[in-house]
Amino acid sequence: MEWMLSRTVYDAIVLGAGPAGLACAAVLGKRGFHVLVLEQWPGIRDKVCGDGISVFCVPQLARLGIGEKELLEAGALPILRKKEFFGNEEKTTVYEKPCYGLPRPILMGLLSHVALRRKVRIHFGFPVQKVEKEGDFYVVNHHLAGKIVVNAMGAVSFLRLAETRDLPFGISSRIFGNPSGIDNHCYHFYYGPDYGNGYAWIFPIGNGLWNVGVWNGDKRKDVAEAYRQFERSLFGEEPLNYDRKPGGAFIGASNGKVALDLPALGDAAYLASYSSGEGITYALQSAIDYAETVVL
């Protein structure tokens, strides 16, 4: 095709360098495909809600060659149990295998390293504004062409098909400190009227650092106040030492099915759990499953 002479052509272009995008690119790269990842942020994006690696997430990372040895070497803190609080009632579950607390930027560094080792090209600071189909190829921003283009841009982008008013919303932070009545090596979940159909949480991620947050889907206007009250109940009224200040994010979960024009992964396909908020596991699983089976 004559138009291809003025364009750079790839086997696959992955939109978004989050967990889903990097996992998909890494597997495609392992299969020998020429892969480009485009990310609008100037570097790895930090999202506090991604600091927990659940028992379901660990085997998905292992599929990428990131085993528990690699997690521990990166500084992951083993989480051995969870405590759930329902008003005055408390339930403790001991995990048969450990989960982990690990700051998301470190996890993203591990995923980036796997992708780069497999000769994937990652271009940061590249806002994607347009995707068009031309013949057998997809064209991104008029000058990059791919046999396939995969949407891993998260729940909110110009390609989104769900309205933000329909998505759950959460606020979370990282805090240095000694929270009152909290066990180390343990996830803590709090349920109740203040949190609607969601919950509040706190868990350790190493070096005296805690991930703290609140999310829900039915009382979104109250999330900020619920977060402030929860934070005070843990750390009191003294000024806090934040590693990352409280920030909000939409969660890629939907109660209904969403029709997709492009292959979509993780939050971009609204695969996060609407009931638990679990997202990274489904992001990785959807990305790996797709990349292992897609035919170019």
Protein backbone atom coordinates (compact mmCIF):
# COMPACT_ATOMS: atom_id res chain seq x y z
CA MET A 1 0.00 0.00 0.00
CA GLU A 2 1.32 3.41 -0.97
CA TRP A 3 0.17 5.09 2.27
CA MET A 4 2.39 2.73 4.29
CA LEU A 5 5.53 4.38 2.90
CA SER A 6 4.88 7.45 5.09
CA ARG A 7 3.99 5.51 8.24
CA THR A 8 5.83 3.38 10.79
CA VAL A 9 4.20 -0.05 10.82
CA TYR A 10 4.06 -2.45 13.79
CA ASP A 11 2.54 -5.85 14.30
CA ALA A 12 0.74 -4.48 17.37
CA ILE A 13 0.24 -1.09 18.98
CA VAL A 14 -0.83 -1.16 22.62
CA LEU A 15 -2.47 1.98 23.96
CA GLY A 16 -1.56 2.44 27.62
CA ALA A 17 1.42 1.40 29.75
CA GLY A 18 -0.47 0.23 32.80
CA PRO A 19 -0.43 -3.38 34.05
CA ALA A 20 -2.66 -4.64 31.23
CA GLY A 21 -0.81 -2.81 28.46
CA LEU A 22 2.66 -3.85 29.59
CA ALA A 23 1.61 -7.46 30.21
CA CYS A 24 0.02 -7.71 26.77
CA ALA A 25 3.07 -6.15 25.11
CA ALA A 26 5.46 -8.44 26.98
CA VAL A 27 3.66 -11.59 25.84
CA LEU A 28 3.38 -10.37 22.25
CA GLY A 29 7.08 -9.51 22.33
CA LYS A 30 7.90 -12.99 23.60
CA ARG A 31 6.01 -14.38 20.59
CA GLY A 32 8.33 -12.42 18.32
CA PHE A 33 5.97 -9.63 17.30
CA HIS A 34 7.08 -6.04 16.64
CA VAL A 35 5.26 -4.15 19.42
CA LEU A 36 4.88 -0.48 20.35
CA VAL A 37 3.33 0.76 23.59
CA LEU A 38 2.03 4.34 23.66
CA GLU A 39 1.50 6.07 27.02
CA GLN A 40 0.22 9.63 27.45
CA TRP A 41 1.96 10.16 30.80
CA PRO A 42 5.62 11.25 30.73
CA GLY A 43 6.65 8.19 32.75
CA ILE A 44 5.24 5.32 34.75
CA ARG A 45 1.99 6.54 36.30
CA ASP A 46 1.61 6.10 40.04
CA LYS A 47 -1.84 4.94 41.18
CA VAL A 48 -2.11 4.24 44.88
CA CYS A 49 -4.97 1.80 44.38
CA GLY A 50 -2.52 -0.64 42.77
CA ASP A 51 -0.33 -1.36 45.82
CA GLY A 52 -1.97 -4.66 46.77
CA ILE A 53 -1.03 -7.92 45.06
CA SER A 54 -3.76 -10.41 45.91
CA VAL A 55 -3.46 -14.18 46.12
CA PHE A 56 -5.14 -14.30 42.70
CA CYS A 57 -2.68 -11.81 41.21
CA VAL A 58 0.48 -13.70 42.19
CA PRO A 59 0.01 -16.54 39.63
CA GLN A 60 -0.74 -14.02 36.86
CA LEU A 61 2.57 -12.28 37.52
CA ALA A 62 4.27 -15.69 37.50
CA ARG A 63 2.95 -16.22 33.95
CA LEU A 64 5.10 -13.21 32.99
CA GLY A 65 8.19 -14.54 34.73
CA ILE A 66 7.73 -12.37 37.83
CA GLY A 67 7.72 -14.92 40.63
CA GLU A 68 7.59 -14.51 44.39
CA LYS A 69 11.39 -14.42 44.50
CA GLU A 70 11.40 -11.38 42.21
CA LEU A 71 8.66 -9.70 44.27
CA LEU A 72 10.54 -10.17 47.52
CA GLU A 73 13.78 -8.95 45.97
CA ALA A 74 11.90 -5.83 44.85
CA GLY A 75 10.86 -5.18 48.45
CA ALA A 76 7.34 -6.65 48.53
CA LEU A 77 5.95 -7.17 52.02
CA PRO A 78 4.17 -10.53 52.53
CA ILE A 79 0.53 -10.22 53.61
CA LEU A 80 -0.45 -13.34 55.55
CA ARG A 81 -4.07 -12.72 56.51
CA LYS A 82 -7.02 -10.37 56.20
CA LYS A 83 -9.35 -8.91 58.79
CA GLU A 84 -12.86 -7.82 57.85
CA PHE A 85 -14.91 -5.57 60.11
CA PHE A 86 -18.72 -5.46 59.89
CA GLY A 87 -19.73 -2.99 62.59
CA ASN A 88 -18.82 -4.69 65.87
CA GLU A 89 -18.17 -8.04 64.19
CA GLU A 90 -14.69 -9.10 63.07
CA LYS A 91 -13.65 -11.95 60.79
CA THR A 92 -10.04 -13.09 60.27
CA THR A 93 -8.93 -15.21 57.32
CA VAL A 94 -5.44 -16.71 57.14
CA TYR A 95 -4.14 -17.08 53.60
CA GLU A 96 -2.75 -20.45 52.52
CA LYS A 97 -0.32 -18.56 50.31
CA PRO A 98 0.90 -15.00 50.87
CA CYS A 99 -0.35 -11.88 49.18
CA TYR A 100 1.94 -8.87 48.96
CA GLY A 101 2.02 -5.15 49.55
CA LEU A 102 4.24 -3.33 47.05
CA PRO A 103 4.14 0.29 45.86
CA ARG A 104 2.72 0.34 42.37
CA PRO A 105 5.69 2.17 40.77
CA ILE A 106 7.92 -0.76 41.77
CA LEU A 107 5.49 -3.29 40.28
CA MET A 108 5.28 -1.22 37.10
CA GLY A 109 9.08 -1.17 36.95
CA LEU A 110 9.10 -4.98 37.04
CA LEU A 111 6.51 -5.17 34.26
CA SER A 112 8.38 -2.58 32.16
CA HIS A 113 11.61 -4.52 32.55
CA VAL A 114 9.96 -7.71 31.27
CA ALA A 115 8.51 -5.88 28.26
CA LEU A 116 11.78 -4.13 27.38
CA ARG A 117 13.72 -7.35 27.74
CA ARG A 118 11.42 -8.78 25.08
CA LYS A 119 12.26 -5.92 22.72
CA VAL A 120 9.02 -4.00 23.16
CA ARG A 121 9.28 -0.29 22.42
CA ILE A 122 7.61 1.98 25.01
CA HIS A 123 6.94 5.59 24.11
CA PHE A 124 6.00 7.80 27.08
CA GLY A 125 4.51 11.28 26.74
CA PHE A 126 2.49 10.31 23.66
CA PRO A 127 -1.21 11.30 23.86
CA VAL A 128 -3.32 9.17 21.54
CA GLN A 129 -5.97 11.34 19.90
CA LYS A 130 -7.29 9.27 17.04
CA VAL A 131 -7.49 5.64 15.88
CA GLU A 132 -8.74 4.89 12.36
CA LYS A 133 -9.13 1.72 10.32
CA GLU A 134 -7.50 1.87 6.88
CA GLY A 135 -7.68 -1.35 4.92
CA ASP A 136 -6.12 -4.15 6.95
CA PHE A 137 -4.40 -1.77 9.36
CA TYR A 138 -5.25 0.56 12.21
CA VAL A 139 -3.67 4.02 12.14
CA VAL A 140 -2.92 5.96 15.33
CA ASN A 141 -2.57 9.76 15.19
CA HIS A 142 -2.27 9.56 11.38
CA HIS A 143 1.29 8.21 11.25
CA LEU A 144 1.62 4.97 13.26
CA ALA A 145 0.10 1.81 11.82
CA GLY A 146 -0.52 -1.58 13.39
CA LYS A 147 -2.07 -4.84 12.30
CA ILE A 148 -3.85 -4.71 15.65
CA VAL A 149 -4.42 -1.92 18.12
CA VAL A 150 -5.26 -2.84 21.71
CA ASN A 151 -7.01 -0.50 24.11
CA ALA A 152 -5.42 -0.62 27.57
CA MET A 153 -6.01 3.05 28.36
CA GLY A 154 -8.01 2.49 31.53
CA ALA A 155 -11.59 3.24 32.46
CA VAL A 156 -11.52 6.90 31.37
CA SER A 157 -10.19 7.85 27.94
CA PHE A 158 -11.49 9.13 24.63
CA LEU A 159 -12.20 5.49 23.74
CA ARG A 160 -14.35 4.84 26.82
CA LEU A 161 -17.80 3.38 26.30
CA ALA A 162 -19.09 3.65 29.86
CA GLU A 163 -20.06 6.99 31.40
CA THR A 164 -18.07 8.09 34.43
CA ARG A 165 -21.31 8.55 36.37
CA ASP A 166 -21.75 4.77 36.16
CA LEU A 167 -18.29 3.89 37.47
CA PRO A 168 -17.28 3.32 41.11
CA PHE A 169 -14.96 5.94 42.56
CA GLY A 170 -12.28 5.73 45.23
CA ILE A 171 -9.79 7.87 47.14
CA SER A 172 -6.52 6.47 48.45
CA SER A 173 -3.11 7.54 49.73
CA ARG A 174 0.20 6.29 51.08
CA ILE A 175 1.05 7.34 54.62
CA PHE A 176 4.10 6.87 56.85
CA GLY A 177 3.06 6.24 60.42
CA ASN A 178 1.77 3.96 63.15
CA PRO A 179 -1.98 3.51 62.70
CA SER A 180 -3.97 2.68 65.79
CA GLY A 181 -5.02 -0.95 66.30
CA ILE A 182 -3.65 -2.20 62.97
CA ASP A 183 -1.74 -5.46 62.50
CA ASN A 184 1.27 -5.68 60.23
CA HIS A 185 1.29 -8.29 57.44
CA CYS A 186 -2.50 -8.01 57.23
CA TYR A 187 -5.16 -6.55 54.93
CA HIS A 188 -7.90 -4.68 56.85
CA PHE A 189 -11.32 -4.12 55.29
CA TYR A 190 -14.15 -2.11 56.88
CA TYR A 191 -17.78 -2.34 55.76
CA GLY A 192 -20.70 -0.22 56.83
CA PRO A 193 -23.21 2.51 55.92
CA ASP A 194 -20.50 5.15 55.50
CA TYR A 195 -19.02 3.16 52.63
CA GLY A 196 -22.21 2.21 50.77
CA ASN A 197 -21.63 -0.84 48.57
CA GLY A 198 -17.86 -0.45 48.91
CA TYR A 199 -15.47 -0.46 51.84
CA ALA A 200 -12.51 1.21 53.50
CA TRP A 201 -9.09 -0.42 53.69
CA ILE A 202 -5.61 -0.18 55.08
CA PHE A 203 -2.62 -2.47 54.58
CA PRO A 204 1.18 -2.24 54.87
CA ILE A 205 3.51 -1.97 51.90
CA GLY A 206 6.85 -1.94 53.74
CA ASN A 207 9.20 0.51 55.43
CA GLY A 208 6.52 1.93 57.70
CA LEU A 209 4.32 2.84 54.75
CA TRP A 210 0.56 2.16 54.58
CA ASN A 211 -1.94 2.14 51.75
CA VAL A 212 -5.20 3.73 52.94
CA GLY A 213 -8.41 4.21 50.98
CA VAL A 214 -12.18 4.20 50.56
CA TRP A 215 -14.30 3.37 47.51
CA ASN A 216 -17.91 2.76 46.54
CA GLY A 217 -20.27 2.89 43.61
CA ASP A 218 -23.52 4.14 45.16
CA LYS A 219 -22.41 6.96 47.50
CA ARG A 220 -19.70 8.59 45.41
CA LYS A 221 -20.47 12.14 46.59
CA ASP A 222 -19.68 11.01 50.14
CA VAL A 223 -16.36 9.29 49.40
CA ALA A 224 -14.14 12.27 50.26
CA GLU A 225 -15.70 12.78 53.69
CA ALA A 226 -15.73 9.04 54.37
CA TYR A 227 -12.03 8.94 53.52
CA ARG A 228 -11.22 11.87 55.85
CA GLN A 229 -13.09 10.28 58.74
CA PHE A 230 -11.42 6.91 58.17
CA GLU A 231 -7.98 8.49 58.02
CA ARG A 232 -8.59 10.32 61.32
CA SER A 233 -9.75 7.11 62.99
CA LEU A 234 -6.41 5.50 62.13
CA PHE A 235 -3.91 8.30 62.63
CA GLY A 236 -5.67 10.89 64.78
CA GLU A 237 -5.64 14.65 64.23
CA GLU A 238 -1.87 15.15 63.97
CA PRO A 239 -0.39 16.28 60.61
CA LEU A 240 0.34 13.24 58.46
CA ASN A 241 3.50 12.29 56.62
CA TYR A 242 2.26 11.38 53.15
CA ASP A 243 4.32 9.47 50.64
CA ARG A 244 1.50 10.25 48.23
CA LYS A 245 -1.36 12.56 49.15
CA PRO A 246 -4.98 11.41 48.83
CA GLY A 247 -6.11 11.19 45.23
CA GLY A 248 -9.21 9.95 43.46
CA ALA A 249 -9.69 7.52 40.61
CA PHE A 250 -12.53 5.85 38.75
CA ILE A 251 -12.55 2.07 38.94
CA GLY A 252 -12.95 0.13 35.70
CA ALA A 253 -15.99 -1.86 36.79
CA SER A 254 -19.43 -1.98 35.25
CA ASN A 255 -22.64 -3.72 36.23
CA GLY A 256 -23.55 -4.26 32.59
CA LYS A 257 -21.90 -5.58 29.44
CA VAL A 258 -20.05 -3.09 27.26
CA ALA A 259 -19.66 -3.46 23.50
CA LEU A 260 -16.08 -2.82 22.39
CA ASP A 261 -14.86 -1.59 18.99
CA LEU A 262 -11.20 -2.44 19.66
CA PRO A 263 -9.76 -5.31 21.70
CA ALA A 264 -9.76 -3.96 25.25
CA LEU A 265 -8.02 -5.14 28.40
CA GLY A 266 -8.42 -4.62 32.13
CA ASP A 267 -10.13 -1.40 33.19
CA ALA A 268 -10.62 -0.38 29.55
CA ALA A 269 -12.92 -3.41 29.24
CA TYR A 270 -14.47 -2.67 32.66
CA LEU A 271 -13.27 -6.01 33.99
CA ALA A 272 -12.53 -4.92 37.57
CA SER A 273 -14.82 -6.46 40.15
CA TYR A 274 -17.78 -4.22 40.99
CA SER A 275 -18.15 -5.98 44.35
CA SER A 276 -14.52 -6.19 45.55
CA GLY A 277 -12.67 -3.53 43.55
CA GLU A 278 -10.05 -6.11 42.48
CA GLY A 279 -8.52 -4.84 39.26
CA ILE A 280 -4.88 -5.76 38.65
CA THR A 281 -5.58 -9.51 38.58
CA TYR A 282 -8.18 -9.10 35.84
CA ALA A 283 -5.99 -6.63 33.97
CA LEU A 284 -3.09 -9.09 33.85
CA GLN A 285 -5.22 -12.13 33.14
CA SER A 286 -7.13 -10.50 30.27
CA ALA A 287 -3.89 -9.16 28.77
CA ILE A 288 -1.97 -12.42 28.94
CA ASP A 289 -4.88 -14.54 27.68
CA TYR A 290 -5.42 -12.20 24.73
CA ALA A 291 -1.74 -11.89 23.79
CA GLU A 292 -1.14 -15.63 23.99
CA THR A 293 -3.94 -16.43 21.55
CA VAL A 294 -4.33 -13.50 19.15
CA VAL A 295 -3.55 -14.28 15.51
CA LEU A 296 -1.96 -11.54 13.40
